[in-house]
Amino acid sequence: MIAYKCAKCGKNVDIDTERMGIRCPYCGGKIFYKERGTIAKKLKAR
């Protein structure tokens, strides 16, 4: 299972990637964002 955040209600949701037709159990939303860490990446300019 992978933790995602619902775009509609903002709650954290554990999603089983094996299933089709994923919906938020709290609000029924279908759009999710993957949680990212708080570490910032440094890039060198060319």
C-alpha atoms as a PDB file:
ATOM      1  CA  MET A   1       0.000   0.000   0.000  1.00  0.00           C
ATOM      2  CA  ILE A   2       1.108   3.545  -0.765  1.00  0.00           C
ATOM      3  CA  ALA A   3       0.093   6.703   1.137  1.00  0.00           C
ATOM      4  CA  TYR A   4      -1.518   9.457  -0.933  1.00  0.00           C
ATOM      5  CA  LYS A   5      -3.350  12.697  -0.144  1.00  0.00           C
ATOM      6  CA  CYS A   6      -6.847  13.308  -1.522  1.00  0.00           C
ATOM      7  CA  ALA A   7      -7.048  16.491  -3.613  1.00  0.00           C
ATOM      8  CA  LYS A   8     -10.680  17.123  -2.644  1.00  0.00           C
ATOM      9  CA  CYS A   9     -10.711  16.728   1.160  1.00  0.00           C
ATOM     10  CA  GLY A  10      -6.956  16.733   1.927  1.00  0.00           C
ATOM     11  CA  LYS A  11      -6.995  13.566   4.050  1.00  0.00           C
ATOM     12  CA  ASN A  12      -4.261  10.941   3.889  1.00  0.00           C
ATOM     13  CA  VAL A  13      -5.430   7.735   2.210  1.00  0.00           C
ATOM     14  CA  ASP A  14      -3.680   4.368   1.889  1.00  0.00           C
ATOM     15  CA  ILE A  15      -4.257   3.089  -1.653  1.00  0.00           C
ATOM     16  CA  ASP A  16      -3.968  -0.489  -2.838  1.00  0.00           C
ATOM     17  CA  THR A  17      -2.400  -0.186  -6.306  1.00  0.00           C
ATOM     18  CA  GLU A  18      -3.727  -3.605  -7.366  1.00  0.00           C
ATOM     19  CA  ARG A  19      -7.347  -2.348  -7.526  1.00  0.00           C
ATOM     20  CA  MET A  20      -8.999  -0.358 -10.280  1.00  0.00           C
ATOM     21  CA  GLY A  21     -11.527   2.429  -9.696  1.00  0.00           C
ATOM     22  CA  ILE A  22      -9.845   4.060  -6.709  1.00  0.00           C
ATOM     23  CA  ARG A  23     -11.909   6.559  -4.687  1.00  0.00           C
ATOM     24  CA  CYS A  24     -11.376   8.402  -1.426  1.00  0.00           C
ATOM     25  CA  PRO A  25     -13.273   6.598   1.372  1.00  0.00           C
ATOM     26  CA  TYR A  26     -14.044   9.946   3.079  1.00  0.00           C
ATOM     27  CA  CYS A  27     -15.372  12.154   0.261  1.00  0.00           C
ATOM     28  CA  GLY A  28     -15.450  10.005  -2.904  1.00  0.00           C
ATOM     29  CA  GLY A  29     -12.782  12.059  -4.713  1.00  0.00           C
ATOM     30  CA  LYS A  30     -10.763  10.464  -7.523  1.00  0.00           C
ATOM     31  CA  ILE A  31      -7.663  12.709  -7.649  1.00  0.00           C
ATOM     32  CA  PHE A  32      -4.713  11.906  -5.382  1.00  0.00           C
ATOM     33  CA  TYR A  33      -1.256  13.381  -4.808  1.00  0.00           C
ATOM     34  CA  LYS A  34       1.743  11.366  -3.689  1.00  0.00           C
ATOM     35  CA  GLU A  35       3.249  12.591  -0.430  1.00  0.00           C
ATOM     36  CA  ARG A  36       6.789  13.906  -0.839  1.00  0.00           C
ATOM     37  CA  GLY A  37       9.535  14.284   1.707  1.00  0.00           C
ATOM     38  CA  THR A  38      10.646  17.630   3.099  1.00  0.00           C
ATOM     39  CA  ILE A  39      14.207  17.345   1.758  1.00  0.00           C
ATOM     40  CA  ALA A  40      14.988  19.940  -0.924  1.00  0.00           C
ATOM     41  CA  LYS A  41      17.142  18.923  -3.880  1.00  0.00           C
ATOM     42  CA  LYS A  42      20.060  21.079  -5.025  1.00  0.00           C
ATOM     43  CA  LEU A  43      20.753  21.359  -8.744  1.00  0.00           C
ATOM     44  CA  LYS A  44      23.747  22.897 -10.482  1.00  0.00           C
ATOM     45  CA  ALA A  45      23.105  25.367 -13.271  1.00  0.00           C
ATOM     46  CA  ARG A  46      24.922  24.707 -16.532  1.00  0.00           C
END
